[in-house]
Amino acid sequence: MASSRGQGGIQQLLAAEQEAQLIVNAARNEKLIRLKQAKEEAEKEIAAYRAQMEREFQRKVAESSGDSGANVKRLEKETDARIHHLKAESEKISGGVVQMLLKHVTSVKN
């Protein structure tokens, strides 16, 4: 009777071990499923973030290129105005400069 009791105990232990193994395997499978879901969610979030950053970048590029055209026009106007001003100033003083150069070139110093 003791031996059948020992056999029954061993059988119970084996059954408990098998049940524990099933529980562990089920937990591993659930963990793998959760990890896959977490990975998919993370990839979706990354894709959404990347798309948002790309949209913002494109918006900034569009804004800066629009400003660039305006800046170029503004700079061209300023440059033209400065050139006109310098030409006018040079016309005012060119006669005096020519006279001064002629005076120095034609005068002989000992």
N, C-alpha and C. Protein backbone atom coordinates (compact mmCIF):
# COMPACT_ATOMS: atom_id res chain seq x y z
N MET A 1 0.80 -1.17 0.00
CA MET A 1 0.00 0.00 0.00
C MET A 1 0.86 1.25 0.00
N ALA A 2 1.95 1.18 0.68
CA ALA A 2 2.86 2.30 0.70
C ALA A 2 3.44 2.52 -0.68
N SER A 3 3.67 1.45 -1.39
CA SER A 3 4.23 1.60 -2.72
C SER A 3 3.21 2.17 -3.68
N SER A 4 1.94 1.81 -3.56
CA SER A 4 0.92 2.39 -4.43
C SER A 4 0.70 3.85 -4.07
N ARG A 5 0.86 4.12 -2.80
CA ARG A 5 0.75 5.51 -2.36
C ARG A 5 1.89 6.34 -2.93
N GLY A 6 3.09 5.77 -2.97
CA GLY A 6 4.25 6.43 -3.54
C GLY A 6 4.07 6.62 -5.03
N GLN A 7 3.51 5.58 -5.68
CA GLN A 7 3.24 5.69 -7.11
C GLN A 7 2.21 6.78 -7.39
N GLY A 8 1.19 6.86 -6.55
CA GLY A 8 0.16 7.89 -6.70
C GLY A 8 0.75 9.27 -6.49
N GLY A 9 1.66 9.38 -5.54
CA GLY A 9 2.31 10.67 -5.27
C GLY A 9 3.18 11.09 -6.46
N ILE A 10 3.87 10.09 -7.01
CA ILE A 10 4.72 10.39 -8.18
C ILE A 10 3.84 10.81 -9.35
N GLN A 11 2.72 10.09 -9.52
CA GLN A 11 1.81 10.45 -10.60
C GLN A 11 1.25 11.86 -10.40
N GLN A 12 0.95 12.20 -9.17
CA GLN A 12 0.46 13.54 -8.88
C GLN A 12 1.53 14.59 -9.18
N LEU A 13 2.76 14.27 -8.81
CA LEU A 13 3.87 15.19 -9.08
C LEU A 13 4.06 15.36 -10.59
N LEU A 14 4.01 14.27 -11.33
CA LEU A 14 4.16 14.35 -12.77
C LEU A 14 3.02 15.16 -13.39
N ALA A 15 1.82 14.94 -12.91
CA ALA A 15 0.67 15.69 -13.44
C ALA A 15 0.81 17.17 -13.10
N ALA A 16 1.26 17.48 -11.88
CA ALA A 16 1.45 18.87 -11.47
C ALA A 16 2.55 19.51 -12.31
N GLU A 17 3.62 18.75 -12.60
CA GLU A 17 4.71 19.27 -13.42
C GLU A 17 4.22 19.56 -14.84
N GLN A 18 3.42 18.66 -15.38
CA GLN A 18 2.87 18.88 -16.71
C GLN A 18 1.96 20.10 -16.73
N GLU A 19 1.15 20.22 -15.71
CA GLU A 19 0.24 21.38 -15.62
C GLU A 19 1.04 22.68 -15.50
N ALA A 20 2.10 22.64 -14.69
CA ALA A 20 2.95 23.82 -14.54
C ALA A 20 3.62 24.16 -15.88
N GLN A 21 4.06 23.14 -16.60
CA GLN A 21 4.69 23.35 -17.91
C GLN A 21 3.69 23.99 -18.87
N LEU A 22 2.44 23.55 -18.85
CA LEU A 22 1.41 24.14 -19.70
C LEU A 22 1.17 25.60 -19.35
N ILE A 23 1.15 25.89 -18.05
CA ILE A 23 0.94 27.26 -17.59
C ILE A 23 2.11 28.14 -18.04
N VAL A 24 3.34 27.64 -17.90
CA VAL A 24 4.53 28.40 -18.29
C VAL A 24 4.51 28.64 -19.80
N ASN A 25 4.18 27.61 -20.57
CA ASN A 25 4.13 27.76 -22.03
C ASN A 25 3.06 28.78 -22.43
N ALA A 26 1.91 28.73 -21.78
CA ALA A 26 0.84 29.68 -22.08
C ALA A 26 1.29 31.10 -21.75
N ALA A 27 1.99 31.26 -20.63
CA ALA A 27 2.48 32.58 -20.24
C ALA A 27 3.51 33.08 -21.25
N ARG A 28 4.39 32.19 -21.73
CA ARG A 28 5.38 32.59 -22.73
C ARG A 28 4.70 33.03 -24.02
N ASN A 29 3.70 32.27 -24.43
CA ASN A 29 2.98 32.63 -25.65
C ASN A 29 2.28 33.97 -25.51
N GLU A 30 1.66 34.20 -24.36
CA GLU A 30 1.00 35.48 -24.12
C GLU A 30 2.02 36.62 -24.12
N LYS A 31 3.18 36.35 -23.54
CA LYS A 31 4.24 37.36 -23.51
C LYS A 31 4.69 37.69 -24.93
N LEU A 32 4.89 36.68 -25.76
CA LEU A 32 5.29 36.91 -27.15
C LEU A 32 4.24 37.72 -27.89
N ILE A 33 2.97 37.39 -27.66
CA ILE A 33 1.89 38.12 -28.31
C ILE A 33 1.90 39.58 -27.88
N ARG A 34 2.07 39.82 -26.56
CA ARG A 34 2.12 41.19 -26.06
C ARG A 34 3.32 41.95 -26.64
N LEU A 35 4.47 41.27 -26.74
CA LEU A 35 5.66 41.92 -27.31
C LEU A 35 5.43 42.29 -28.77
N LYS A 36 4.79 41.40 -29.53
CA LYS A 36 4.50 41.70 -30.94
C LYS A 36 3.55 42.89 -31.04
N GLN A 37 2.54 42.91 -30.18
CA GLN A 37 1.59 44.03 -30.18
C GLN A 37 2.30 45.33 -29.82
N ALA A 38 3.16 45.27 -28.81
CA ALA A 38 3.89 46.48 -28.39
C ALA A 38 4.79 46.96 -29.52
N LYS A 39 5.42 46.03 -30.22
CA LYS A 39 6.30 46.40 -31.33
C LYS A 39 5.48 47.05 -32.44
N GLU A 40 4.33 46.49 -32.78
CA GLU A 40 3.48 47.06 -33.82
C GLU A 40 3.01 48.46 -33.43
N GLU A 41 2.60 48.62 -32.17
CA GLU A 41 2.16 49.93 -31.71
C GLU A 41 3.30 50.95 -31.77
N ALA A 42 4.49 50.52 -31.36
CA ALA A 42 5.64 51.41 -31.39
C ALA A 42 5.97 51.81 -32.83
N GLU A 43 5.89 50.86 -33.75
CA GLU A 43 6.16 51.18 -35.16
C GLU A 43 5.13 52.16 -35.70
N LYS A 44 3.87 52.00 -35.29
CA LYS A 44 2.83 52.94 -35.72
C LYS A 44 3.11 54.33 -35.17
N GLU A 45 3.50 54.41 -33.89
CA GLU A 45 3.81 55.71 -33.28
C GLU A 45 5.01 56.35 -33.96
N ILE A 46 6.02 55.54 -34.27
CA ILE A 46 7.20 56.06 -34.94
C ILE A 46 6.84 56.60 -36.32
N ALA A 47 6.02 55.84 -37.04
CA ALA A 47 5.61 56.28 -38.38
C ALA A 47 4.82 57.58 -38.30
N ALA A 48 3.93 57.68 -37.31
CA ALA A 48 3.14 58.91 -37.16
C ALA A 48 4.05 60.08 -36.80
N TYR A 49 5.00 59.86 -35.90
CA TYR A 49 5.92 60.92 -35.50
C TYR A 49 6.78 61.35 -36.68
N ARG A 50 7.27 60.37 -37.44
CA ARG A 50 8.09 60.67 -38.60
C ARG A 50 7.29 61.48 -39.62
N ALA A 51 6.04 61.10 -39.84
CA ALA A 51 5.20 61.83 -40.79
C ALA A 51 4.96 63.26 -40.31
N GLN A 52 4.73 63.42 -39.01
CA GLN A 52 4.51 64.76 -38.45
C GLN A 52 5.76 65.62 -38.62
N MET A 53 6.93 65.06 -38.32
CA MET A 53 8.18 65.81 -38.46
C MET A 53 8.43 66.16 -39.92
N GLU A 54 8.11 65.24 -40.83
CA GLU A 54 8.30 65.50 -42.25
C GLU A 54 7.39 66.63 -42.71
N ARG A 55 6.12 66.63 -42.25
CA ARG A 55 5.20 67.70 -42.61
C ARG A 55 5.70 69.04 -42.09
N GLU A 56 6.18 69.05 -40.85
CA GLU A 56 6.69 70.29 -40.27
C GLU A 56 7.93 70.78 -41.02
N PHE A 57 8.79 69.85 -41.38
CA PHE A 57 9.99 70.21 -42.15
C PHE A 57 9.60 70.80 -43.49
N GLN A 58 8.67 70.15 -44.19
CA GLN A 58 8.23 70.66 -45.49
C GLN A 58 7.60 72.04 -45.36
N ARG A 59 6.83 72.24 -44.27
CA ARG A 59 6.21 73.54 -44.05
C ARG A 59 7.29 74.61 -43.84
N LYS A 60 8.30 74.29 -43.05
CA LYS A 60 9.38 75.26 -42.81
C LYS A 60 10.17 75.53 -44.08
N VAL A 61 10.39 74.50 -44.87
CA VAL A 61 11.10 74.70 -46.14
C VAL A 61 10.29 75.61 -47.04
N ALA A 62 8.97 75.38 -47.09
CA ALA A 62 8.11 76.21 -47.93
C ALA A 62 8.12 77.66 -47.44
N GLU A 63 8.06 77.84 -46.12
CA GLU A 63 8.08 79.20 -45.56
C GLU A 63 9.40 79.89 -45.87
N SER A 64 10.49 79.18 -45.68
CA SER A 64 11.80 79.81 -45.88
C SER A 64 12.05 80.08 -47.35
N SER A 65 11.58 79.22 -48.22
CA SER A 65 11.78 79.48 -49.64
C SER A 65 10.92 80.64 -50.10
N GLY A 66 9.74 80.78 -49.52
CA GLY A 66 8.91 81.93 -49.83
C GLY A 66 9.57 83.21 -49.34
N ASP A 67 10.12 83.17 -48.17
CA ASP A 67 10.83 84.32 -47.62
C ASP A 67 12.08 84.61 -48.44
N SER A 68 12.69 83.57 -48.94
CA SER A 68 13.91 83.74 -49.72
C SER A 68 13.64 84.59 -50.95
N GLY A 69 12.54 84.32 -51.63
CA GLY A 69 12.18 85.13 -52.80
C GLY A 69 11.95 86.57 -52.43
N ALA A 70 11.26 86.79 -51.34
CA ALA A 70 11.01 88.15 -50.87
C ALA A 70 12.31 88.83 -50.47
N ASN A 71 13.18 88.08 -49.82
CA ASN A 71 14.48 88.64 -49.40
C ASN A 71 15.32 89.00 -50.62
N VAL A 72 15.29 88.16 -51.63
CA VAL A 72 16.07 88.45 -52.83
C VAL A 72 15.57 89.73 -53.48
N LYS A 73 14.27 89.87 -53.59
CA LYS A 73 13.72 91.09 -54.19
C LYS A 73 14.08 92.32 -53.37
N ARG A 74 13.97 92.19 -52.05
CA ARG A 74 14.30 93.31 -51.17
C ARG A 74 15.77 93.69 -51.31
N LEU A 75 16.64 92.68 -51.34
CA LEU A 75 18.08 92.95 -51.48
C LEU A 75 18.40 93.56 -52.83
N GLU A 76 17.72 93.11 -53.89
CA GLU A 76 17.95 93.69 -55.20
C GLU A 76 17.56 95.17 -55.22
N LYS A 77 16.43 95.49 -54.58
CA LYS A 77 15.99 96.89 -54.52
C LYS A 77 17.00 97.74 -53.75
N GLU A 78 17.45 97.21 -52.59
CA GLU A 78 18.43 97.95 -51.79
C GLU A 78 19.74 98.14 -52.56
N THR A 79 20.16 97.09 -53.26
CA THR A 79 21.40 97.18 -54.03
C THR A 79 21.27 98.21 -55.15
N ASP A 80 20.14 98.16 -55.86
CA ASP A 80 19.92 99.13 -56.94
C ASP A 80 19.91 100.56 -56.39
N ALA A 81 19.28 100.75 -55.23
CA ALA A 81 19.23 102.08 -54.64
C ALA A 81 20.63 102.55 -54.24
N ARG A 82 21.43 101.67 -53.69
CA ARG A 82 22.79 102.04 -53.30
C ARG A 82 23.65 102.35 -54.53
N ILE A 83 23.49 101.54 -55.58
CA ILE A 83 24.25 101.79 -56.81
C ILE A 83 23.87 103.15 -57.38
N HIS A 84 22.59 103.44 -57.42
CA HIS A 84 22.12 104.73 -57.94
C HIS A 84 22.70 105.87 -57.10
N HIS A 85 22.68 105.71 -55.79
CA HIS A 85 23.21 106.74 -54.88
C HIS A 85 24.71 106.93 -55.13
N LEU A 86 25.46 105.84 -55.25
CA LEU A 86 26.90 105.96 -55.48
C LEU A 86 27.20 106.61 -56.83
N LYS A 87 26.43 106.27 -57.86
CA LYS A 87 26.64 106.91 -59.16
C LYS A 87 26.37 108.40 -59.09
N ALA A 88 25.31 108.77 -58.40
CA ALA A 88 24.98 110.19 -58.26
C ALA A 88 26.08 110.92 -57.51
N GLU A 89 26.59 110.34 -56.43
CA GLU A 89 27.67 110.97 -55.66
C GLU A 89 28.93 111.07 -56.49
N SER A 90 29.22 110.02 -57.26
CA SER A 90 30.44 110.07 -58.07
C SER A 90 30.34 111.12 -59.17
N GLU A 91 29.16 111.30 -59.73
CA GLU A 91 28.97 112.35 -60.74
C GLU A 91 29.16 113.74 -60.15
N LYS A 92 28.74 113.89 -58.90
CA LYS A 92 28.90 115.19 -58.24
C LYS A 92 30.37 115.55 -58.05
N ILE A 93 31.17 114.56 -57.66
CA ILE A 93 32.56 114.88 -57.31
C ILE A 93 33.56 114.53 -58.41
N SER A 94 33.10 113.93 -59.50
CA SER A 94 34.05 113.51 -60.53
C SER A 94 34.77 114.70 -61.17
N GLY A 95 34.07 115.79 -61.37
CA GLY A 95 34.72 116.98 -61.94
C GLY A 95 35.84 117.47 -61.06
N GLY A 96 35.61 117.55 -59.77
CA GLY A 96 36.64 118.01 -58.84
C GLY A 96 37.82 117.06 -58.78
N VAL A 97 37.55 115.76 -58.84
CA VAL A 97 38.61 114.77 -58.79
C VAL A 97 39.46 114.87 -60.05
N VAL A 98 38.83 115.04 -61.20
CA VAL A 98 39.58 115.18 -62.46
C VAL A 98 40.46 116.42 -62.40
N GLN A 99 39.94 117.52 -61.91
CA GLN A 99 40.72 118.74 -61.80
C GLN A 99 41.91 118.54 -60.86
N MET A 100 41.68 117.88 -59.74
CA MET A 100 42.76 117.64 -58.78
C MET A 100 43.83 116.76 -59.41
N LEU A 101 43.43 115.71 -60.13
CA LEU A 101 44.41 114.83 -60.78
C LEU A 101 45.20 115.59 -61.84
N LEU A 102 44.51 116.39 -62.64
CA LEU A 102 45.21 117.16 -63.66
C LEU A 102 46.19 118.14 -63.03
N LYS A 103 45.80 118.75 -61.96
CA LYS A 103 46.67 119.70 -61.26
C LYS A 103 47.93 119.00 -60.80
N HIS A 104 47.79 117.81 -60.19
CA HIS A 104 48.95 117.09 -59.67
C HIS A 104 49.81 116.51 -60.79
N VAL A 105 49.19 116.10 -61.86
CA VAL A 105 49.95 115.51 -62.95
C VAL A 105 50.70 116.57 -63.73
N THR A 106 50.08 117.70 -63.91
CA THR A 106 50.72 118.73 -64.74
C THR A 106 51.67 119.62 -63.96
N SER A 107 51.63 119.61 -62.68
CA SER A 107 52.53 120.47 -61.92
C SER A 107 53.87 119.75 -61.75
N VAL A 108 54.93 120.51 -61.92
CA VAL A 108 56.28 119.95 -61.80
C VAL A 108 56.85 120.43 -60.47
N LYS A 109 57.37 119.47 -59.74
CA LYS A 109 57.99 119.82 -58.47
C LYS A 109 59.45 119.47 -58.53
N ASN A 110 60.26 120.34 -57.94
CA ASN A 110 61.71 120.12 -57.94
C ASN A 110 62.11 119.33 -56.74
